[in-house]
Protein backbone atom coordinates (compact mmCIF):
# COMPACT_ATOMS: atom_id res chain seq x y z
CA MET A 1 42.58 78.72 61.79
CA LEU A 2 42.71 77.87 58.09
CA ASP A 3 40.84 74.62 58.78
CA GLN A 4 38.05 76.57 60.51
CA ILE A 5 37.71 78.89 57.52
CA LYS A 6 37.61 75.91 55.12
CA ALA A 7 34.97 74.21 57.28
CA PHE A 8 32.90 77.39 57.38
CA LEU A 9 33.08 77.87 53.60
CA GLY A 10 32.36 74.18 53.02
CA GLY A 11 29.26 74.52 55.18
CA LEU A 12 28.06 77.43 53.08
CA ARG A 13 28.48 75.31 49.94
CA GLY A 14 26.83 72.31 51.56
CA ASP A 15 29.98 70.17 51.72
CA ASP A 16 29.26 68.82 55.19
CA GLU A 17 27.94 65.33 55.88
CA THR A 18 24.53 66.54 56.99
CA THR A 19 23.68 67.99 53.60
CA PRO A 20 21.57 65.55 51.58
CA ASP A 21 22.75 64.69 48.10
CA ALA A 22 19.89 66.12 46.02
CA SER A 23 21.74 65.01 42.88
CA ASN A 24 20.89 61.43 43.87
CA PRO A 25 17.68 60.50 41.99
CA ASP A 26 16.28 58.63 45.02
CA VAL A 27 16.77 61.64 47.29
CA ALA A 28 15.31 63.96 44.63
CA ALA A 29 12.25 61.72 44.28
CA VAL A 30 11.66 61.49 48.03
CA ALA A 31 12.07 65.27 48.35
CA LEU A 32 9.29 65.69 45.78
CA PHE A 33 7.17 63.16 47.68
CA PHE A 34 7.54 65.33 50.79
CA HIS A 35 6.78 68.47 48.80
CA VAL A 36 3.51 67.02 47.57
CA ILE A 37 2.23 65.72 50.91
CA GLY A 38 3.17 68.99 52.58
CA ALA A 39 1.62 71.26 49.96
CA ASP A 40 -1.65 71.64 51.86
CA GLY A 41 0.19 72.56 55.06
CA VAL A 42 -0.79 69.34 56.87
CA VAL A 43 1.12 66.06 56.85
CA ASP A 44 -0.95 63.54 58.74
CA ASP A 45 -0.04 60.02 59.86
CA VAL A 46 -1.82 58.42 56.90
CA GLU A 47 0.26 60.43 54.44
CA SER A 48 3.50 59.72 56.31
CA GLU A 49 2.81 55.99 56.41
CA LYS A 50 1.82 55.96 52.74
CA LEU A 51 5.05 57.77 51.86
CA LYS A 52 7.14 55.19 53.74
CA SER A 53 5.28 52.21 52.29
CA LEU A 54 5.60 53.67 48.80
CA ILE A 55 9.37 54.06 49.26
CA VAL A 56 9.64 50.47 50.49
CA GLU A 57 7.65 49.20 47.49
CA GLU A 58 9.31 51.36 44.82
CA TYR A 59 12.89 51.43 46.06
CA GLY A 60 13.12 48.12 47.90
CA VAL A 61 14.70 49.64 51.00
CA SER A 62 13.88 49.12 54.66
CA GLY A 63 15.31 49.67 58.11
CA ALA A 64 18.24 52.05 58.37
CA GLU A 65 18.35 52.64 54.60
CA LEU A 66 14.67 53.66 54.62
CA ARG A 67 15.25 56.05 57.52
CA ARG A 68 18.31 57.54 55.78
CA LEU A 69 16.43 58.07 52.52
CA VAL A 70 13.38 59.56 54.27
CA GLU A 71 15.54 61.92 56.34
CA ALA A 72 17.63 62.98 53.32
CA GLY A 73 14.53 63.59 51.20
CA GLU A 74 12.77 65.53 53.92
CA GLN A 75 15.83 67.70 54.55
CA ALA A 76 16.36 68.29 50.82
CA ASP A 77 12.74 69.42 50.49
CA ARG A 78 13.07 71.78 53.46
CA GLU A 79 16.22 73.34 51.99
CA ALA A 80 14.97 73.58 48.39
CA VAL A 81 14.23 76.89 46.76
CA ASP A 82 12.44 75.39 43.76
CA LEU A 83 11.29 72.13 42.19
CA TYR A 84 13.67 72.30 39.25
CA ALA A 85 16.66 71.06 41.26
CA PHE A 86 14.83 67.77 41.81
CA THR A 87 13.00 67.42 38.50
CA SER A 88 16.18 68.03 36.51
CA VAL A 89 17.86 65.13 38.33
CA LEU A 90 14.90 62.87 37.60
CA ASN A 91 14.71 64.01 33.98
CA ARG A 92 18.28 62.82 33.47
CA SER A 93 17.67 59.45 35.11
CA LEU A 94 14.13 58.41 34.08
CA GLU A 95 12.74 57.19 30.78
CA PRO A 96 9.42 58.70 29.62
CA GLU A 97 7.34 55.75 30.91
CA ALA A 98 9.07 55.95 34.29
CA LYS A 99 8.27 59.67 34.47
CA VAL A 100 4.56 58.93 33.99
CA HIS A 101 4.79 56.23 36.66
CA PHE A 102 6.47 58.72 39.01
CA ILE A 103 3.68 61.26 38.46
CA GLY A 104 1.22 58.48 39.32
CA LEU A 105 3.09 57.95 42.59
CA LEU A 106 2.82 61.66 43.36
CA TRP A 107 -0.94 61.53 42.78
CA THR A 108 -1.18 58.49 45.05
CA LEU A 109 0.53 60.46 47.80
CA ALA A 110 -1.59 63.55 47.15
CA TYR A 111 -4.75 61.54 47.73
CA ALA A 112 -3.43 59.28 50.50
CA ASP A 113 -5.44 61.19 53.12
CA GLY A 114 -8.67 60.64 51.17
CA HIS A 115 -9.04 64.31 50.31
CA ARG A 116 -8.47 66.27 47.18
CA HIS A 117 -6.65 69.52 47.85
CA GLU A 118 -6.00 72.10 45.14
CA LEU A 119 -2.50 72.93 46.39
CA GLU A 120 -1.41 69.29 46.16
CA ASP A 121 -3.03 69.08 42.72
CA HIS A 122 -1.12 72.16 41.62
CA VAL A 123 2.24 70.88 42.87
CA VAL A 124 1.83 67.59 41.00
CA TRP A 125 0.77 69.49 37.87
CA ARG A 126 3.88 71.68 38.14
CA ILE A 127 6.21 68.70 38.65
CA ALA A 128 4.63 66.88 35.69
CA ASP A 129 5.14 69.98 33.55
CA LEU A 130 8.80 70.27 34.57
CA MET A 131 9.32 66.58 33.79
CA GLY A 132 7.73 66.82 30.36
CA VAL A 133 4.78 64.56 31.16
CA SER A 134 1.92 65.40 28.83
CA ASN A 135 -1.34 66.82 30.13
CA ARG A 136 -3.12 63.69 28.94
CA GLU A 137 -0.79 61.33 30.80
CA ARG A 138 -0.93 63.51 33.93
CA VAL A 139 -4.74 63.57 33.94
CA LEU A 140 -4.98 59.82 33.32
CA ALA A 141 -2.57 59.17 36.19
CA ARG A 142 -4.61 61.47 38.43
CA GLN A 143 -7.84 59.70 37.52
CA ARG A 144 -6.28 56.32 38.35
CA ALA A 145 -5.09 57.63 41.72
CA LEU A 146 -8.47 59.18 42.50
CA ALA A 147 -10.23 55.90 41.68
CA ALA A 148 -7.76 53.91 43.79
CA ALA A 149 -8.28 56.32 46.71
CA GLY A 150 -12.06 56.19 46.30
CA ILE A 151 -12.34 59.94 45.86
CA ASP A 152 -15.22 61.33 43.82
CA ASP A 153 -13.91 63.32 40.86
CA ALA A 154 -17.27 64.97 40.13
CA GLY A 155 -16.90 68.60 39.19
CA ALA A 156 -13.14 68.48 38.96
CA ASP A 157 -11.34 70.26 36.18
CA ASP A 158 -9.35 68.03 33.88
CA ASP A 159 -7.05 70.94 33.14
């Protein structure tokens, strides 16, 4: 009986094996990747494939490790109540230049489907703000991602 109570309380705290470790910087980063591509309410195949290829390129994982990281990040994003839990982990583990690079990755994912959506833009802006990336660096990273995606930036606000 006592074991059942401990298991129940552990589940409430997230001590079970199915709870992703959002304190892991890789899981936190992938959770934010999922948050960005899902901000507009639609995650299409192009975005999903771009997310996986980006993880392979940036983290050097593949196969079972890639699946584990993707699943953990997706679950962490679903269970999150705010962005701070993830950005605080990344703030402790990334240097300023790496933070700017990370924001560039978020922009790349936001524009992976070839469309500019204001909700995705807003989420990246919010993450950049929480990570202490300057407006200038954020806008420059966005412009690079827009150019790489071939999206016309005419009429867009530069915040």
